[in-house]
């Protein structure tokens, strides 16, 4: 069995073990972020500006916020958003109960974008034809548009 070797350089901590290379962190002060998830063919990322235009133009079949109840208040959501916690056991049925038009674009978001990207695959499986994932999530919306709640 080979002994693991740790190499420390100014920006990267690397473990070498059995010929495998693993980068643990670029900078210890900055948490590592996972790479963007691959979206199904029926989904794509949209910017805050594009989401705002779609919202103003009435082109969306629905807006789904998949954050947890603890993350959502009366004033920190997109106008017209419907809430379905991604972590509930009956998530798929809860989405179907919203009665959204699956043939029109559906905007989905969470706090930063990761859960919304995972949700896109679920919506695809439920027959949604055009899923729009808000890039950067609610945090990006709040920083870039300043528009909140109803």
N, C-alpha and C. Protein backbone atom coordinates (compact mmCIF):
# COMPACT_ATOMS: atom_id res chain seq x y z
N UNK A 1 0.84 -1.18 0.00
CA UNK A 1 0.00 0.00 0.00
C UNK A 1 0.88 1.24 0.00
N UNK A 2 0.50 2.21 -0.84
CA UNK A 2 1.28 3.42 -0.93
C UNK A 2 0.87 4.40 0.17
N UNK A 3 1.82 5.15 0.64
CA UNK A 3 1.54 6.17 1.64
C UNK A 3 1.11 7.45 0.94
N UNK A 4 0.00 8.06 1.39
CA UNK A 4 -0.41 9.31 0.75
C UNK A 4 0.61 10.40 1.00
N UNK A 5 0.77 11.25 0.01
CA UNK A 5 1.71 12.35 0.10
C UNK A 5 0.94 13.63 -0.09
N UNK A 6 1.12 14.58 0.79
CA UNK A 6 0.46 15.88 0.66
C UNK A 6 1.48 16.89 0.17
N UNK A 7 1.11 17.62 -0.86
CA UNK A 7 1.96 18.68 -1.38
C UNK A 7 1.26 20.00 -1.09
N UNK A 8 1.95 20.92 -0.54
CA UNK A 8 1.37 22.21 -0.23
C UNK A 8 2.10 23.27 -1.03
N UNK A 9 1.35 23.98 -1.84
CA UNK A 9 1.90 25.10 -2.56
C UNK A 9 1.03 26.31 -2.22
N UNK A 10 1.37 27.49 -2.63
CA UNK A 10 0.64 28.67 -2.18
C UNK A 10 -0.86 28.65 -2.44
N UNK A 11 -1.31 28.01 -3.52
CA UNK A 11 -2.73 28.09 -3.84
C UNK A 11 -3.46 26.76 -3.86
N UNK A 12 -2.76 25.65 -3.83
CA UNK A 12 -3.43 24.36 -3.99
C UNK A 12 -2.87 23.34 -3.02
N UNK A 13 -3.77 22.62 -2.36
CA UNK A 13 -3.39 21.48 -1.54
C UNK A 13 -3.73 20.24 -2.34
N UNK A 14 -2.74 19.39 -2.59
CA UNK A 14 -2.92 18.24 -3.47
C UNK A 14 -2.58 16.96 -2.72
N UNK A 15 -3.39 15.96 -2.86
CA UNK A 15 -3.11 14.63 -2.32
C UNK A 15 -2.78 13.70 -3.49
N UNK A 16 -1.68 13.00 -3.38
CA UNK A 16 -1.30 12.00 -4.37
C UNK A 16 -1.39 10.64 -3.70
N UNK A 17 -2.19 9.76 -4.26
CA UNK A 17 -2.34 8.44 -3.67
C UNK A 17 -2.64 7.45 -4.78
N UNK A 18 -1.86 6.43 -4.87
CA UNK A 18 -2.03 5.39 -5.88
C UNK A 18 -2.17 5.99 -7.28
N UNK A 19 -1.39 7.00 -7.54
CA UNK A 19 -1.39 7.60 -8.86
C UNK A 19 -2.53 8.57 -9.12
N UNK A 20 -3.47 8.73 -8.17
CA UNK A 20 -4.61 9.62 -8.36
C UNK A 20 -4.26 11.00 -7.82
N UNK A 21 -4.76 12.00 -8.47
CA UNK A 21 -4.54 13.39 -8.08
C UNK A 21 -5.87 13.98 -7.65
N UNK A 22 -5.93 14.53 -6.46
CA UNK A 22 -7.14 15.17 -6.00
C UNK A 22 -6.82 16.56 -5.51
N UNK A 23 -7.50 17.53 -6.04
CA UNK A 23 -7.34 18.90 -5.57
C UNK A 23 -8.41 19.12 -4.53
N UNK A 24 -8.00 19.41 -3.30
CA UNK A 24 -8.95 19.58 -2.22
C UNK A 24 -9.49 21.00 -2.13
N UNK A 25 -8.67 21.97 -2.39
CA UNK A 25 -9.15 23.35 -2.36
C UNK A 25 -8.14 24.25 -3.04
N UNK A 26 -8.62 25.26 -3.76
CA UNK A 26 -7.72 26.21 -4.39
C UNK A 26 -7.19 27.18 -3.35
N UNK A 27 -8.06 27.61 -2.50
CA UNK A 27 -7.70 28.59 -1.48
C UNK A 27 -8.50 28.24 -0.24
N UNK A 28 -7.86 27.98 0.89
CA UNK A 28 -8.58 27.57 2.08
C UNK A 28 -9.61 28.60 2.54
N UNK A 29 -9.46 29.86 2.17
CA UNK A 29 -10.41 30.89 2.58
C UNK A 29 -11.67 30.88 1.72
N UNK A 30 -11.62 30.25 0.56
CA UNK A 30 -12.77 30.20 -0.35
C UNK A 30 -13.28 28.78 -0.43
N UNK A 31 -14.56 28.55 -0.05
CA UNK A 31 -15.08 27.19 -0.13
C UNK A 31 -15.14 26.69 -1.57
N UNK A 32 -14.84 25.41 -1.76
CA UNK A 32 -14.89 24.81 -3.09
C UNK A 32 -16.33 24.74 -3.56
N UNK A 33 -16.59 25.06 -4.83
CA UNK A 33 -17.93 24.97 -5.40
C UNK A 33 -17.95 23.83 -6.40
N UNK A 34 -19.00 23.04 -6.39
CA UNK A 34 -19.08 21.96 -7.37
C UNK A 34 -19.27 22.53 -8.77
N UNK A 35 -18.88 21.78 -9.79
CA UNK A 35 -19.08 22.26 -11.16
C UNK A 35 -20.58 22.33 -11.46
N UNK A 36 -20.98 23.17 -12.42
CA UNK A 36 -22.39 23.26 -12.77
C UNK A 36 -22.92 21.89 -13.20
N UNK A 37 -24.16 21.62 -12.85
CA UNK A 37 -24.79 20.36 -13.24
C UNK A 37 -25.19 20.40 -14.71
N UNK A 38 -25.16 19.26 -15.33
CA UNK A 38 -25.62 19.16 -16.70
C UNK A 38 -27.15 19.19 -16.70
N UNK A 39 -27.70 20.08 -17.46
CA UNK A 39 -29.15 20.20 -17.53
C UNK A 39 -29.69 19.28 -18.62
N UNK A 40 -30.93 18.83 -18.48
CA UNK A 40 -31.53 18.04 -19.56
C UNK A 40 -31.73 18.92 -20.80
N UNK A 41 -32.01 18.30 -21.91
CA UNK A 41 -32.15 19.03 -23.18
C UNK A 41 -33.29 20.04 -23.14
N UNK A 42 -34.26 19.83 -22.27
CA UNK A 42 -35.41 20.74 -22.18
C UNK A 42 -35.16 21.93 -21.27
N UNK A 43 -33.94 22.04 -20.72
CA UNK A 43 -33.65 23.10 -19.75
C UNK A 43 -32.45 23.91 -20.17
N UNK A 44 -32.39 25.15 -19.67
CA UNK A 44 -31.24 26.00 -19.91
C UNK A 44 -31.16 27.03 -18.79
N UNK A 45 -29.95 27.56 -18.60
CA UNK A 45 -29.74 28.63 -17.64
C UNK A 45 -30.18 29.95 -18.25
N UNK A 46 -30.75 30.83 -17.42
CA UNK A 46 -31.09 32.18 -17.86
C UNK A 46 -30.50 33.18 -16.87
N UNK A 47 -30.12 34.32 -17.39
CA UNK A 47 -29.58 35.39 -16.55
C UNK A 47 -30.72 36.10 -15.83
N UNK A 48 -30.37 36.91 -14.86
CA UNK A 48 -31.37 37.72 -14.16
C UNK A 48 -32.06 38.65 -15.15
N UNK A 49 -31.29 39.26 -16.05
CA UNK A 49 -31.87 40.19 -17.03
C UNK A 49 -32.89 39.47 -17.92
N UNK A 50 -32.54 38.28 -18.39
CA UNK A 50 -33.47 37.53 -19.25
C UNK A 50 -34.71 37.11 -18.47
N UNK A 51 -34.52 36.67 -17.24
CA UNK A 51 -35.66 36.27 -16.41
C UNK A 51 -36.59 37.45 -16.16
N UNK A 52 -36.01 38.61 -15.91
CA UNK A 52 -36.80 39.82 -15.67
C UNK A 52 -37.64 40.16 -16.91
N UNK A 53 -37.04 40.05 -18.10
CA UNK A 53 -37.77 40.34 -19.34
C UNK A 53 -38.90 39.33 -19.57
N UNK A 54 -38.64 38.06 -19.32
CA UNK A 54 -39.68 37.04 -19.48
C UNK A 54 -40.82 37.28 -18.50
N UNK A 55 -40.48 37.68 -17.28
CA UNK A 55 -41.49 37.96 -16.27
C UNK A 55 -42.34 39.16 -16.66
N UNK A 56 -41.68 40.23 -17.11
CA UNK A 56 -42.41 41.43 -17.52
C UNK A 56 -43.29 41.17 -18.73
N UNK A 57 -42.82 40.31 -19.64
CA UNK A 57 -43.56 40.02 -20.86
C UNK A 57 -44.68 39.00 -20.68
N UNK A 58 -44.82 38.45 -19.49
CA UNK A 58 -45.88 37.47 -19.24
C UNK A 58 -45.68 36.17 -20.02
N UNK A 59 -44.44 35.84 -20.32
CA UNK A 59 -44.16 34.66 -21.15
C UNK A 59 -43.95 33.38 -20.36
N UNK A 60 -44.01 33.46 -19.03
CA UNK A 60 -43.74 32.27 -18.21
C UNK A 60 -45.03 31.51 -17.88
N UNK A 61 -44.91 30.20 -17.91
CA UNK A 61 -46.03 29.35 -17.49
C UNK A 61 -46.05 29.17 -15.98
N UNK A 62 -44.98 29.56 -15.33
CA UNK A 62 -44.90 29.46 -13.88
C UNK A 62 -43.51 29.77 -13.38
N UNK A 63 -43.45 30.11 -12.09
CA UNK A 63 -42.19 30.36 -11.41
C UNK A 63 -42.20 29.50 -10.16
N UNK A 64 -41.17 28.67 -10.02
CA UNK A 64 -41.11 27.75 -8.88
C UNK A 64 -39.86 28.03 -8.05
N UNK A 65 -40.07 28.27 -6.78
CA UNK A 65 -39.01 28.50 -5.80
C UNK A 65 -38.85 27.20 -5.03
N UNK A 66 -37.68 26.58 -5.11
CA UNK A 66 -37.47 25.28 -4.46
C UNK A 66 -36.65 25.38 -3.17
N UNK A 67 -36.60 26.57 -2.59
CA UNK A 67 -35.90 26.73 -1.31
C UNK A 67 -36.74 26.14 -0.18
N UNK A 68 -36.10 25.98 0.96
CA UNK A 68 -36.80 25.46 2.14
C UNK A 68 -37.65 26.56 2.76
N UNK A 69 -38.67 26.20 3.54
CA UNK A 69 -39.51 27.22 4.19
C UNK A 69 -38.70 28.19 5.07
N UNK A 70 -37.62 27.72 5.64
CA UNK A 70 -36.79 28.58 6.49
C UNK A 70 -36.08 29.68 5.68
N UNK A 71 -35.90 29.45 4.39
CA UNK A 71 -35.20 30.41 3.54
C UNK A 71 -36.13 31.47 2.95
N UNK A 72 -37.42 31.21 2.96
CA UNK A 72 -38.38 32.08 2.27
C UNK A 72 -39.14 32.93 3.29
N UNK A 73 -39.24 34.23 2.99
CA UNK A 73 -40.07 35.12 3.79
C UNK A 73 -41.09 35.77 2.86
N UNK A 74 -41.93 36.64 3.43
CA UNK A 74 -42.93 37.32 2.62
C UNK A 74 -42.32 38.26 1.59
N UNK A 75 -41.06 38.65 1.80
CA UNK A 75 -40.48 39.67 0.92
C UNK A 75 -39.23 39.22 0.17
N UNK A 76 -38.83 37.97 0.27
CA UNK A 76 -37.59 37.59 -0.43
C UNK A 76 -37.82 36.52 -1.48
N UNK A 77 -38.69 36.82 -2.42
CA UNK A 77 -38.95 35.88 -3.51
C UNK A 77 -39.31 36.65 -4.77
N UNK A 78 -39.27 35.96 -5.89
CA UNK A 78 -39.64 36.59 -7.15
C UNK A 78 -41.15 36.77 -7.20
N UNK A 79 -41.61 37.82 -7.87
CA UNK A 79 -43.05 38.05 -7.99
C UNK A 79 -43.75 36.87 -8.66
N UNK A 80 -44.79 36.38 -8.04
CA UNK A 80 -45.57 35.29 -8.61
C UNK A 80 -45.02 33.89 -8.37
N UNK A 81 -43.98 33.78 -7.59
CA UNK A 81 -43.36 32.47 -7.35
C UNK A 81 -44.28 31.58 -6.53
N UNK A 82 -44.24 30.29 -6.86
CA UNK A 82 -44.93 29.25 -6.08
C UNK A 82 -43.85 28.45 -5.39
N UNK A 83 -44.10 28.00 -4.18
CA UNK A 83 -43.08 27.37 -3.36
C UNK A 83 -43.29 25.87 -3.24
N UNK A 84 -42.24 25.12 -3.55
CA UNK A 84 -42.22 23.67 -3.34
C UNK A 84 -40.81 23.33 -2.84
N UNK A 85 -40.72 22.93 -1.61
CA UNK A 85 -39.44 22.55 -1.01
C UNK A 85 -38.90 21.33 -1.75
N UNK A 86 -37.73 21.45 -2.32
CA UNK A 86 -37.13 20.34 -3.07
C UNK A 86 -36.97 19.08 -2.22
N UNK A 87 -36.82 19.25 -0.91
CA UNK A 87 -36.51 18.12 -0.04
C UNK A 87 -37.73 17.38 0.51
N UNK A 88 -38.95 17.75 0.11
CA UNK A 88 -40.11 17.02 0.59
C UNK A 88 -40.22 15.70 -0.17
N UNK A 89 -40.77 14.69 0.51
CA UNK A 89 -40.85 13.36 -0.10
C UNK A 89 -41.80 13.31 -1.29
N UNK A 90 -42.79 14.17 -1.32
CA UNK A 90 -43.77 14.16 -2.41
C UNK A 90 -43.55 15.33 -3.37
N UNK A 91 -42.28 15.64 -3.64
CA UNK A 91 -41.94 16.79 -4.48
C UNK A 91 -42.63 16.73 -5.84
N UNK A 92 -42.53 15.61 -6.54
CA UNK A 92 -43.11 15.50 -7.88
C UNK A 92 -44.61 15.78 -7.86
N UNK A 93 -45.31 15.19 -6.91
CA UNK A 93 -46.76 15.40 -6.81
C UNK A 93 -47.06 16.85 -6.44
N UNK A 94 -46.24 17.44 -5.59
CA UNK A 94 -46.44 18.85 -5.21
C UNK A 94 -46.30 19.76 -6.43
N UNK A 95 -45.34 19.46 -7.31
CA UNK A 95 -45.18 20.24 -8.54
C UNK A 95 -46.41 20.07 -9.42
N UNK A 96 -46.87 18.85 -9.60
CA UNK A 96 -48.05 18.62 -10.43
C UNK A 96 -49.29 19.31 -9.85
N UNK A 97 -49.39 19.37 -8.52
CA UNK A 97 -50.53 20.02 -7.87
C UNK A 97 -50.59 21.51 -8.13
N UNK A 98 -49.49 22.11 -8.55
CA UNK A 98 -49.49 23.55 -8.85
C UNK A 98 -50.30 23.86 -10.10
N UNK A 99 -50.50 22.86 -10.96
CA UNK A 99 -51.28 23.04 -12.18
C UNK A 99 -50.62 23.95 -13.20
N UNK A 100 -49.30 23.93 -13.26
CA UNK A 100 -48.57 24.76 -14.21
C UNK A 100 -48.71 24.24 -15.63
N UNK A 101 -48.67 25.14 -16.58
CA UNK A 101 -48.72 24.77 -18.00
C UNK A 101 -47.35 24.23 -18.39
N UNK A 102 -47.26 22.93 -18.64
CA UNK A 102 -45.98 22.28 -18.93
C UNK A 102 -45.47 22.58 -20.33
N UNK A 103 -46.28 23.22 -21.16
CA UNK A 103 -45.84 23.55 -22.52
C UNK A 103 -45.22 24.94 -22.61
N UNK A 104 -45.39 25.75 -21.57
CA UNK A 104 -44.82 27.10 -21.54
C UNK A 104 -43.58 27.11 -20.66
N UNK A 105 -42.69 28.09 -20.82
CA UNK A 105 -41.48 28.15 -20.01
C UNK A 105 -41.79 28.24 -18.52
N UNK A 106 -41.04 27.46 -17.74
CA UNK A 106 -41.17 27.46 -16.29
C UNK A 106 -39.83 27.87 -15.70
N UNK A 107 -39.82 28.96 -14.95
CA UNK A 107 -38.61 29.44 -14.30
C UNK A 107 -38.49 28.80 -12.93
N UNK A 108 -37.36 28.21 -12.65
CA UNK A 108 -37.13 27.59 -11.35
C UNK A 108 -35.88 28.21 -10.73
N UNK A 109 -35.94 28.44 -9.40
CA UNK A 109 -34.78 29.01 -8.73
C UNK A 109 -34.72 28.53 -7.29
N UNK A 110 -33.54 28.69 -6.71
CA UNK A 110 -33.30 28.40 -5.29
C UNK A 110 -32.42 29.54 -4.78
N UNK A 111 -31.64 29.30 -3.76
CA UNK A 111 -30.81 30.38 -3.20
C UNK A 111 -29.66 30.75 -4.14
N UNK A 112 -28.92 29.75 -4.61
CA UNK A 112 -27.73 30.01 -5.43
C UNK A 112 -27.77 29.36 -6.81
N UNK A 113 -28.63 28.38 -7.04
CA UNK A 113 -28.76 27.77 -8.34
C UNK A 113 -28.57 26.26 -8.39
N UNK A 114 -27.91 25.66 -7.41
CA UNK A 114 -27.64 24.23 -7.44
C UNK A 114 -28.88 23.37 -7.34
N UNK A 115 -29.75 23.67 -6.40
CA UNK A 115 -30.99 22.89 -6.25
C UNK A 115 -31.91 23.08 -7.44
N UNK A 116 -31.93 24.30 -7.99
CA UNK A 116 -32.76 24.55 -9.17
C UNK A 116 -32.27 23.73 -10.36
N UNK A 117 -30.96 23.60 -10.50
CA UNK A 117 -30.42 22.78 -11.59
C UNK A 117 -30.81 21.32 -11.41
N UNK A 118 -30.77 20.82 -10.18
CA UNK A 118 -31.21 19.44 -9.94
C UNK A 118 -32.71 19.29 -10.19
N UNK A 119 -33.46 20.33 -9.90
CA UNK A 119 -34.91 20.31 -10.11
C UNK A 119 -35.24 20.22 -11.60
N UNK A 120 -34.40 20.79 -12.45
CA UNK A 120 -34.66 20.78 -13.89
C UNK A 120 -34.85 19.36 -14.42
N UNK A 121 -34.05 18.43 -13.94
CA UNK A 121 -34.19 17.03 -14.38
C UNK A 121 -35.52 16.45 -13.93
N UNK A 122 -35.95 16.82 -12.74
CA UNK A 122 -37.24 16.32 -12.23
C UNK A 122 -38.39 16.90 -13.07
N UNK A 123 -38.31 18.18 -13.38
CA UNK A 123 -39.36 18.80 -14.19
C UNK A 123 -39.39 18.20 -15.59
N UNK A 124 -38.22 17.93 -16.14
CA UNK A 124 -38.13 17.27 -17.44
C UNK A 124 -38.86 15.93 -17.40
N UNK A 125 -38.61 15.15 -16.36
CA UNK A 125 -39.24 13.84 -16.21
C UNK A 125 -40.76 13.96 -16.05
N UNK A 126 -41.22 15.10 -15.53
CA UNK A 126 -42.66 15.32 -15.35
C UNK A 126 -43.32 15.89 -16.61
N UNK A 127 -42.54 16.08 -17.68
CA UNK A 127 -43.10 16.51 -18.95
C UNK A 127 -43.03 18.00 -19.24
N UNK A 128 -42.28 18.76 -18.45
CA UNK A 128 -42.12 20.18 -18.75
C UNK A 128 -41.24 20.31 -19.99
N UNK A 129 -41.66 21.14 -20.93
CA UNK A 129 -40.98 21.25 -22.22
C UNK A 129 -39.90 22.33 -22.27
N UNK A 130 -39.96 23.31 -21.35
CA UNK A 130 -39.01 24.42 -21.38
C UNK A 130 -38.76 24.88 -19.94
N UNK A 131 -37.67 24.39 -19.35
CA UNK A 131 -37.33 24.72 -17.96
C UNK A 131 -36.18 25.73 -17.97
N UNK A 132 -36.39 26.83 -17.28
CA UNK A 132 -35.40 27.89 -17.20
C UNK A 132 -34.86 27.94 -15.79
N UNK A 133 -33.56 27.77 -15.64
CA UNK A 133 -32.91 27.78 -14.33
C UNK A 133 -32.25 29.14 -14.14
N UNK A 134 -32.67 29.86 -13.09
CA UNK A 134 -32.12 31.18 -12.83
C UNK A 134 -30.68 31.05 -12.38
N UNK A 135 -29.77 31.51 -13.20
CA UNK A 135 -28.34 31.41 -12.90
C UNK A 135 -28.01 32.30 -11.70
N UNK A 136 -27.41 31.69 -10.68
CA UNK A 136 -27.07 32.42 -9.46
C UNK A 136 -28.19 32.47 -8.45
N UNK A 137 -29.37 31.97 -8.83
CA UNK A 137 -30.50 31.87 -7.92
C UNK A 137 -31.02 33.21 -7.41
N UNK A 138 -31.76 33.11 -6.30
CA UNK A 138 -32.36 34.29 -5.71
C UNK A 138 -31.31 35.33 -5.32
N UNK A 139 -30.15 34.88 -4.87
CA UNK A 139 -29.11 35.82 -4.46
C UNK A 139 -28.70 36.71 -5.63
N UNK A 140 -28.57 36.14 -6.81
CA UNK A 140 -28.23 36.94 -7.99
C UNK A 140 -29.36 37.89 -8.34
N UNK A 141 -30.59 37.42 -8.26
CA UNK A 141 -31.76 38.26 -8.54
C UNK A 141 -31.75 39.48 -7.60
N UNK A 142 -31.56 39.24 -6.33
CA UNK A 142 -31.59 40.31 -5.34
C UNK A 142 -30.44 41.31 -5.57
N UNK A 143 -29.26 40.80 -5.86
CA UNK A 143 -28.11 41.68 -6.10
C UNK A 143 -28.26 42.51 -7.38
N UNK A 144 -28.82 41.90 -8.43
CA UNK A 144 -28.83 42.56 -9.74
C UNK A 144 -30.10 43.34 -10.05
N UNK A 145 -31.22 42.95 -9.47
CA UNK A 145 -32.45 43.64 -9.86
C UNK A 145 -33.07 44.44 -8.73
N UNK A 146 -32.89 43.97 -7.51
CA UNK A 146 -33.48 44.67 -6.38
C UNK A 146 -34.98 44.53 -6.28
N UNK A 147 -35.62 43.84 -7.24
CA UNK A 147 -37.07 43.66 -7.19
C UNK A 147 -37.40 42.48 -6.29
N UNK A 148 -38.31 42.68 -5.37
CA UNK A 148 -38.67 41.64 -4.43
C UNK A 148 -40.17 41.41 -4.43
N UNK A 149 -40.52 40.24 -3.92
CA UNK A 149 -41.89 39.88 -3.56
C UNK A 149 -43.01 40.38 -4.43
N UNK A 150 -44.21 40.25 -3.95
CA UNK A 150 -45.40 40.62 -4.73
C UNK A 150 -45.54 42.09 -4.98
